[in-house]
Amino acid sequence: MWDSVLEFLGTTGFAVLGWKDLIMITVSCVLLYLGIVKKFEPLLLVPIAFGMLLSNLPLGGIMTEHSVVDGKVVPGGLVYYLYQGVKLGIYPPLIFMGVGAMTDFGPLIANPKSLLLGAAAQLGIFLTYLGARALDFDPQAAGSIGIIGGADGPTAIYLTSKLKPELLPAIAIAAYSYMALVPIIQPPIMRLLTTKKERAIVMDQLREVSKTEKVIFPIAVTILVGLLLPSAVPLVGSLMLGNLFRETGVTGRLSDTAQHALINILTIFLGVSVGATASADKFLTPQTLMIIGLGLAAFAVGTAGGVLLGKLMNVISGGKINPLIGSAGVSAVPMAARVSQVEGQRENPNNYLLMHAMGPNVAGVIGSAIAAGVLLAVLG
């Protein structure tokens, strides 16, 4: 009987559980805690963390590739097949369609200057690219690392899958983790770069945007970006198609599907499969730690770039622009805009910056997709 017990124990994960596996299981549990208890973007963090947990349970085989043994095909693990949507760049554009269907571009149309703030926040992408090159990363790896600064998980995954697929686990985990941690990372930078008086500035109400403007906008942006930067069409085109579904008034069912069922399903598939790529042998390396550090720097520089341009625009406007909205120029929608709102009300309870911050925020979505297109055109 004892032989049978020992034989059974030898088939369990406990028999081959290593210290690296324990570290990754602990990390995944910490991320689950942040998502469930602290509610840091749980829709992103919970599936990613659980996918990480699954892939680091020894002998689970969820990411095992299919193989051929004695002429017979042995199927791979479930998540391995789900991961093909990430690897082939299918999920990110489809998620962008859902994001477009959920996004109101009205604040951006009402205040076109917001585009400048969204562009300034992409500074982190290109400066980090230069920093990664200085650390001897090749151009494709540096571009993949830099895009983390856009705070846009789907864009980071899409670009990395084209430029440097082997870095996808580290890039994806870093990008989505920093998106989820926006409420922690951004406020100290915002307070450091602004004065109490600047943070208390109350901005004038935005003008009302007509339906015609909202319908023309996604069509015009698609044509302009498509002609200037064809490599950005998959992301920008999908984003604008989803927004067109929202604004036409005649495609309500398509809009509802894109912003609810479709994006929810894709978020589960993408989150779990991205998390599952973070196995101990691939993730616990010096290179991964460097990528995570550079990604944090990219995000911080992007936030600072938006705030600093906001300060400049405030001076030029004669004190009418609250620099806090510049931090929303990163692509984390709508988390970054909410952070601007919270920080503004911290100094002035009657300050309502959310709609003003949504302009740079949605500009950041477009900006990060365009930045990815530029990197893909130059480095791809």
Protein backbone atom coordinates (compact mmCIF):
# COMPACT_ATOMS: atom_id res chain seq x y z
CA MET A 1 0.00 0.00 0.00
CA TRP A 2 2.80 2.39 0.90
CA ASP A 3 4.36 1.78 -2.50
CA SER A 4 1.12 2.85 -4.12
CA VAL A 5 0.97 5.97 -1.97
CA LEU A 6 4.56 6.89 -2.82
CA GLU A 7 3.91 6.21 -6.49
CA PHE A 8 0.88 8.50 -6.37
CA LEU A 9 2.82 11.24 -4.60
CA GLY A 10 5.46 11.01 -7.33
CA THR A 11 2.84 11.95 -9.90
CA THR A 12 1.73 15.09 -8.07
CA GLY A 13 3.03 18.59 -8.57
CA PHE A 14 4.49 18.56 -5.05
CA ALA A 15 7.16 16.11 -6.22
CA VAL A 16 8.63 18.58 -8.71
CA LEU A 17 7.68 21.90 -7.11
CA GLY A 18 10.71 24.22 -7.16
CA TRP A 19 11.55 27.48 -5.44
CA LYS A 20 11.02 29.44 -8.65
CA ASP A 21 7.53 27.99 -8.95
CA LEU A 22 6.81 29.05 -5.37
CA ILE A 23 7.96 32.60 -6.10
CA MET A 24 5.69 32.89 -9.13
CA ILE A 25 2.74 31.35 -7.27
CA THR A 26 3.30 33.93 -4.52
CA VAL A 27 3.48 36.76 -7.06
CA SER A 28 0.25 35.60 -8.68
CA CYS A 29 -1.49 35.50 -5.28
CA VAL A 30 -0.28 39.04 -4.52
CA LEU A 31 -1.69 40.22 -7.85
CA LEU A 32 -4.98 38.45 -7.10
CA TYR A 33 -5.07 40.24 -3.75
CA LEU A 34 -4.52 43.61 -5.44
CA GLY A 35 -7.26 42.88 -7.97
CA ILE A 36 -9.87 41.39 -5.62
CA VAL A 37 -9.29 43.14 -2.29
CA LYS A 38 -7.76 46.45 -3.40
CA LYS A 39 -9.83 46.49 -6.62
CA PHE A 40 -6.91 47.60 -8.81
CA GLU A 41 -8.45 47.07 -12.25
CA PRO A 42 -9.80 43.60 -11.38
CA LEU A 43 -11.10 42.96 -14.90
CA LEU A 44 -7.47 42.95 -16.06
CA LEU A 45 -5.53 41.83 -13.03
CA VAL A 46 -7.64 38.86 -11.94
CA PRO A 47 -7.49 36.88 -15.23
CA ILE A 48 -3.79 37.74 -15.70
CA ALA A 49 -2.89 36.70 -12.16
CA PHE A 50 -4.91 33.49 -12.39
CA GLY A 51 -3.31 32.61 -15.72
CA MET A 52 0.08 33.11 -14.06
CA LEU A 53 -1.01 30.85 -11.21
CA LEU A 54 -2.14 28.10 -13.61
CA SER A 55 1.06 28.12 -15.64
CA ASN A 56 3.27 27.80 -12.54
CA LEU A 57 1.49 24.77 -11.12
CA PRO A 58 3.87 21.94 -12.10
CA LEU A 59 2.61 19.30 -14.53
CA GLY A 60 -0.59 21.23 -15.28
CA GLY A 61 0.35 21.45 -18.94
CA ILE A 62 -1.98 24.31 -19.80
CA MET A 63 0.63 25.90 -22.08
CA THR A 64 2.01 22.66 -23.55
CA GLU A 65 2.33 22.81 -27.33
CA HIS A 66 0.74 20.12 -29.47
CA SER A 67 3.12 17.41 -30.67
CA VAL A 68 3.27 14.34 -32.87
CA VAL A 69 4.13 11.00 -31.21
CA ASP A 70 4.31 7.82 -33.28
CA GLY A 71 2.39 9.53 -36.06
CA LYS A 72 -0.42 10.64 -33.74
CA VAL A 73 -1.13 14.26 -32.85
CA VAL A 74 -1.08 14.90 -29.11
CA PRO A 75 -3.21 17.99 -28.36
CA GLY A 76 -1.67 20.89 -26.50
CA GLY A 77 -2.96 22.60 -23.39
CA LEU A 78 -6.14 24.68 -23.42
CA VAL A 79 -4.46 28.03 -22.81
CA TYR A 80 -1.81 27.29 -25.47
CA TYR A 81 -4.57 27.47 -28.07
CA LEU A 82 -6.10 30.59 -26.53
CA TYR A 83 -2.65 32.17 -26.64
CA GLN A 84 -2.56 31.95 -30.42
CA GLY A 85 -4.90 34.93 -30.55
CA VAL A 86 -2.23 36.92 -28.72
CA LYS A 87 0.70 35.50 -30.68
CA LEU A 88 -0.93 36.19 -34.05
CA GLY A 89 -2.05 39.69 -33.07
CA ILE A 90 -5.78 38.92 -33.29
CA TYR A 91 -7.04 39.91 -29.84
CA PRO A 92 -5.58 43.45 -29.57
CA PRO A 93 -7.35 45.00 -32.60
CA LEU A 94 -10.63 43.34 -31.60
CA ILE A 95 -10.27 44.69 -28.06
CA PHE A 96 -9.64 48.11 -29.59
CA MET A 97 -12.98 47.76 -31.37
CA GLY A 98 -14.66 47.29 -28.01
CA VAL A 99 -12.71 50.21 -26.53
CA GLY A 100 -13.87 52.40 -29.41
CA ALA A 101 -17.48 51.40 -28.81
CA MET A 102 -17.15 52.39 -25.15
CA THR A 103 -15.34 55.67 -25.78
CA ASP A 104 -16.87 59.10 -26.19
CA PHE A 105 -14.54 61.22 -28.32
CA GLY A 106 -16.67 64.29 -27.58
CA PRO A 107 -14.23 65.84 -25.06
CA LEU A 108 -11.40 65.51 -27.57
CA ILE A 109 -13.46 67.01 -30.39
CA ALA A 110 -14.61 69.84 -28.12
CA ASN A 111 -11.03 70.63 -27.13
CA PRO A 112 -8.64 69.65 -29.97
CA LYS A 113 -5.70 70.95 -27.94
CA SER A 114 -6.07 67.74 -25.95
CA LEU A 115 -4.32 66.00 -28.83
CA LEU A 116 -1.11 67.78 -27.83
CA LEU A 117 -1.35 66.43 -24.29
CA GLY A 118 -1.96 62.92 -25.61
CA ALA A 119 1.08 63.30 -27.87
CA ALA A 120 3.28 64.63 -25.05
CA ALA A 121 2.49 61.60 -22.93
CA GLN A 122 4.01 59.37 -25.63
CA LEU A 123 7.38 60.90 -24.76
CA GLY A 124 7.97 58.00 -22.40
CA ILE A 125 7.80 55.53 -25.31
CA PHE A 126 10.57 57.11 -27.34
CA LEU A 127 12.87 58.11 -24.47
CA THR A 128 12.66 54.60 -23.07
CA TYR A 129 13.46 53.22 -26.51
CA LEU A 130 16.70 55.22 -26.39
CA GLY A 131 17.37 54.06 -22.83
CA ALA A 132 16.86 50.41 -23.77
CA ARG A 133 19.21 50.79 -26.72
CA ALA A 134 21.82 52.26 -24.38
CA LEU A 135 21.47 49.09 -22.27
CA ASP A 136 22.29 46.96 -25.33
CA PHE A 137 18.77 45.81 -26.19
CA ASP A 138 18.40 45.40 -29.94
CA PRO A 139 16.11 47.88 -31.78
CA GLN A 140 13.12 45.52 -31.89
CA ALA A 141 13.39 44.73 -28.18
CA ALA A 142 13.85 48.41 -27.32
CA GLY A 143 10.74 49.34 -29.30
CA SER A 144 8.72 46.63 -27.54
CA ILE A 145 9.91 47.85 -24.14
CA GLY A 146 9.28 51.50 -24.95
CA ILE A 147 5.64 50.93 -25.90
CA ILE A 148 4.92 50.03 -22.25
CA GLY A 149 5.04 53.79 -21.67
CA GLY A 150 1.80 54.19 -23.57
CA ALA A 151 -0.01 52.34 -20.73
CA ASP A 152 -1.97 50.38 -23.31
CA GLY A 153 -1.88 46.62 -22.91
CA PRO A 154 -3.40 45.62 -26.28
CA THR A 155 -1.05 47.97 -28.14
CA ALA A 156 1.99 46.64 -26.26
CA ILE A 157 0.97 43.07 -27.04
CA TYR A 158 0.29 43.82 -30.69
CA LEU A 159 3.63 45.56 -31.28
CA THR A 160 5.68 43.02 -29.34
CA SER A 161 4.05 40.11 -31.20
CA LYS A 162 5.30 41.70 -34.42
CA LEU A 163 8.74 42.88 -33.30
CA LYS A 164 9.99 40.60 -30.51
CA PRO A 165 7.60 37.73 -29.68
CA GLU A 166 10.01 36.13 -27.21
CA LEU A 167 9.64 39.17 -24.93
CA LEU A 168 5.84 38.99 -24.94
CA PRO A 169 5.44 37.51 -21.43
CA ALA A 170 7.49 40.21 -19.71
CA ILE A 171 6.13 43.07 -21.86
CA ALA A 172 2.51 42.04 -21.42
CA ILE A 173 2.74 41.51 -17.67
CA ALA A 174 4.53 44.84 -17.20
CA ALA A 175 2.09 46.78 -19.42
CA TYR A 176 -1.06 45.41 -17.79
CA SER A 177 0.36 45.63 -14.28
CA TYR A 178 1.23 49.29 -14.70
CA MET A 179 -2.20 49.98 -16.22
CA ALA A 180 -3.76 48.46 -13.12
CA LEU A 181 -1.46 50.44 -10.82
CA VAL A 182 -2.19 53.85 -12.38
CA PRO A 183 -3.83 55.13 -9.14
CA ILE A 184 -0.60 54.37 -7.26
CA ILE A 185 2.07 55.36 -9.78
CA GLN A 186 0.71 58.62 -11.17
CA PRO A 187 -0.32 60.77 -8.15
CA PRO A 188 3.19 61.24 -6.67
CA ILE A 189 4.50 62.36 -10.08
CA MET A 190 1.56 64.72 -10.56
CA ARG A 191 2.03 66.32 -7.13
CA LEU A 192 5.78 66.61 -7.61
CA LEU A 193 5.47 68.52 -10.88
CA THR A 194 2.55 70.84 -10.01
CA THR A 195 1.84 73.45 -7.36
CA LYS A 196 -1.18 73.47 -5.07
CA LYS A 197 -2.50 76.51 -6.95
CA GLU A 198 -2.21 74.74 -10.31
CA ARG A 199 -3.97 71.63 -9.04
CA ALA A 200 -6.89 73.74 -7.79
CA ILE A 201 -7.58 75.41 -11.18
CA VAL A 202 -11.20 75.04 -12.28
CA MET A 203 -11.60 74.76 -16.05
CA ASP A 204 -14.44 76.16 -18.15
CA GLN A 205 -17.17 73.79 -19.24
CA LEU A 206 -16.62 72.12 -22.63
CA ARG A 207 -18.87 73.00 -25.55
CA GLU A 208 -21.50 70.53 -26.71
CA VAL A 209 -20.40 68.37 -29.63
CA SER A 210 -22.92 67.57 -32.37
CA LYS A 211 -23.78 64.08 -33.55
CA THR A 212 -22.50 64.94 -37.03
CA GLU A 213 -19.07 65.79 -35.62
CA LYS A 214 -18.99 62.53 -33.68
CA VAL A 215 -19.85 60.48 -36.79
CA ILE A 216 -17.36 62.26 -39.05
CA PHE A 217 -14.51 62.06 -36.53
CA PRO A 218 -13.79 58.27 -36.66
CA ILE A 219 -14.08 58.23 -40.44
CA ALA A 220 -11.75 61.20 -40.87
CA VAL A 221 -9.18 59.85 -38.39
CA THR A 222 -9.16 56.46 -40.11
CA ILE A 223 -8.57 58.00 -43.53
CA LEU A 224 -5.86 60.37 -42.27
CA VAL A 225 -3.95 57.82 -40.17
CA GLY A 226 -4.42 55.10 -42.78
CA LEU A 227 -2.81 57.24 -45.47
CA LEU A 228 -0.03 58.65 -43.28
CA LEU A 229 0.82 55.48 -41.36
CA PRO A 230 -0.55 52.26 -42.89
CA SER A 231 1.07 50.10 -40.19
CA ALA A 232 -1.27 51.66 -37.60
CA VAL A 233 -4.45 50.74 -39.49
CA PRO A 234 -5.22 47.47 -37.62
CA LEU A 235 -5.32 49.24 -34.25
CA VAL A 236 -6.61 52.70 -35.17
CA GLY A 237 -9.06 51.31 -37.73
CA SER A 238 -10.55 48.88 -35.22
CA LEU A 239 -10.78 51.62 -32.58
CA MET A 240 -12.59 53.95 -34.95
CA LEU A 241 -14.90 51.23 -36.29
CA GLY A 242 -16.06 50.50 -32.75
CA ASN A 243 -16.60 54.22 -32.15
CA LEU A 244 -18.56 54.53 -35.39
CA PHE A 245 -20.85 51.71 -34.20
CA ARG A 246 -21.45 53.79 -31.08
CA GLU A 247 -22.15 57.11 -32.76
CA THR A 248 -24.17 56.30 -35.89
CA GLY A 249 -27.42 55.67 -34.05
CA VAL A 250 -28.25 52.83 -36.47
CA THR A 251 -25.84 50.12 -35.28
CA GLY A 252 -26.87 49.84 -31.65
CA ARG A 253 -26.73 46.04 -31.57
CA LEU A 254 -23.21 46.02 -32.98
CA SER A 255 -22.12 48.67 -30.50
CA ASP A 256 -23.65 46.75 -27.61
CA THR A 257 -21.92 43.51 -28.67
CA ALA A 258 -18.55 45.22 -29.15
CA GLN A 259 -18.56 47.01 -25.80
CA HIS A 260 -19.96 44.16 -23.73
CA ALA A 261 -19.95 40.54 -24.91
CA LEU A 262 -17.06 40.75 -27.37
CA ILE A 263 -14.63 42.73 -25.23
CA ASN A 264 -15.48 40.73 -22.10
CA ILE A 265 -14.76 37.41 -23.83
CA LEU A 266 -11.56 38.75 -25.35
CA THR A 267 -10.42 40.18 -22.02
CA ILE A 268 -10.77 36.74 -20.40
CA PHE A 269 -8.92 34.98 -23.22
CA LEU A 270 -6.18 37.59 -23.45
CA GLY A 271 -5.74 38.03 -19.70
CA VAL A 272 -5.50 34.34 -18.86
CA SER A 273 -3.25 33.50 -21.82
CA VAL A 274 -0.94 36.47 -21.21
CA GLY A 275 -0.66 35.58 -17.53
CA ALA A 276 0.07 31.98 -18.44
CA THR A 277 3.15 33.03 -20.42
CA ALA A 278 4.78 34.13 -17.15
CA SER A 279 6.20 30.76 -16.22
CA ALA A 280 9.06 30.74 -13.73
CA ASP A 281 11.76 29.70 -16.21
CA LYS A 282 10.87 32.55 -18.60
CA PHE A 283 9.96 35.25 -16.11
CA LEU A 284 12.57 35.05 -13.34
CA THR A 285 15.51 36.32 -15.38
CA PRO A 286 17.67 39.47 -15.16
CA GLN A 287 16.36 40.58 -18.55
CA THR A 288 12.76 40.45 -17.33
CA LEU A 289 13.63 42.54 -14.28
CA MET A 290 15.30 45.11 -16.55
CA ILE A 291 12.21 45.20 -18.78
CA ILE A 292 9.92 45.74 -15.80
CA GLY A 293 12.15 48.54 -14.53
CA LEU A 294 12.35 50.22 -17.94
CA GLY A 295 8.59 49.87 -18.32
CA LEU A 296 8.03 51.70 -15.05
CA ALA A 297 10.41 54.44 -16.21
CA ALA A 298 8.53 54.69 -19.52
CA PHE A 299 5.21 55.07 -17.74
CA ALA A 300 6.59 57.66 -15.32
CA VAL A 301 8.19 59.71 -18.12
CA GLY A 302 4.96 59.58 -20.15
CA THR A 303 2.98 60.87 -17.17
CA ALA A 304 5.55 63.61 -16.56
CA GLY A 305 5.55 64.61 -20.24
CA GLY A 306 1.81 65.17 -20.22
CA VAL A 307 1.87 67.14 -16.96
CA LEU A 308 4.76 69.37 -18.08
CA LEU A 309 3.05 70.24 -21.35
CA GLY A 310 -0.10 70.92 -19.33
CA LYS A 311 1.89 73.41 -17.24
CA LEU A 312 3.14 75.11 -20.40
CA MET A 313 -0.36 75.28 -21.87
CA ASN A 314 -1.59 76.72 -18.58
CA VAL A 315 0.94 79.55 -18.83
CA ILE A 316 0.09 80.22 -22.48
CA SER A 317 -3.67 80.21 -21.75
CA GLY A 318 -3.30 82.65 -18.88
CA GLY A 319 -4.05 80.14 -16.14
CA LYS A 320 -7.10 78.45 -17.68
CA ILE A 321 -5.76 74.89 -18.00
CA ASN A 322 -5.22 72.59 -15.04
CA PRO A 323 -1.93 70.73 -15.66
CA LEU A 324 -3.30 67.64 -13.95
CA ILE A 325 -5.24 66.71 -17.08
CA GLY A 326 -1.94 66.21 -18.88
CA SER A 327 -1.24 63.06 -16.88
CA ALA A 328 -4.32 61.51 -18.50
CA GLY A 329 -2.49 61.61 -21.85
CA VAL A 330 -1.38 58.03 -21.26
CA SER A 331 -3.70 55.46 -22.77
CA ALA A 332 -5.14 53.94 -19.59
CA VAL A 333 -8.82 54.75 -20.23
CA PRO A 334 -10.59 55.87 -18.10
CA MET A 335 -8.34 55.19 -15.08
CA ALA A 336 -5.90 58.01 -15.81
CA ALA A 337 -8.74 60.51 -16.26
CA ARG A 338 -10.22 59.44 -12.94
CA VAL A 339 -6.86 59.99 -11.24
CA SER A 340 -6.80 63.56 -12.62
CA GLN A 341 -10.29 64.07 -11.22
CA VAL A 342 -9.36 62.70 -7.78
CA GLU A 343 -6.18 64.77 -7.54
CA GLY A 344 -8.01 67.92 -8.63
CA GLN A 345 -10.73 67.45 -6.02
CA ARG A 346 -8.12 66.77 -3.36
CA GLU A 347 -7.09 70.44 -3.64
CA ASN A 348 -10.48 71.87 -4.57
CA PRO A 349 -13.67 69.90 -3.77
CA ASN A 350 -15.55 71.91 -6.40
CA ASN A 351 -13.13 70.94 -9.16
CA TYR A 352 -14.53 68.59 -11.81
CA LEU A 353 -11.78 67.64 -14.24
CA LEU A 354 -13.06 64.27 -15.46
CA MET A 355 -14.48 65.38 -18.82
CA HIS A 356 -11.53 67.69 -19.44
CA ALA A 357 -9.14 64.82 -18.67
CA MET A 358 -11.03 62.46 -20.98
CA GLY A 359 -9.86 64.54 -23.96
CA PRO A 360 -6.14 63.81 -23.39
CA ASN A 361 -7.03 60.28 -22.27
CA VAL A 362 -8.71 59.25 -25.53
CA ALA A 363 -6.03 61.19 -27.43
CA GLY A 364 -3.54 58.94 -25.65
CA VAL A 365 -5.31 55.84 -27.00
CA ILE A 366 -4.91 57.17 -30.53
CA GLY A 367 -1.40 58.39 -29.78
CA SER A 368 -0.14 55.05 -28.46
CA ALA A 369 -1.57 53.24 -31.49
CA ILE A 370 0.14 55.73 -33.80
CA ALA A 371 3.40 55.40 -31.85
CA ALA A 372 3.17 51.63 -32.26
CA GLY A 373 2.60 52.13 -35.97
CA VAL A 374 5.68 54.34 -36.22
CA LEU A 375 7.84 51.79 -34.39
CA LEU A 376 6.47 48.97 -36.52
CA ALA A 377 7.12 50.89 -39.74
CA VAL A 378 10.68 51.75 -38.72
CA LEU A 379 11.72 48.56 -36.94
CA GLY A 380 9.45 45.88 -38.38
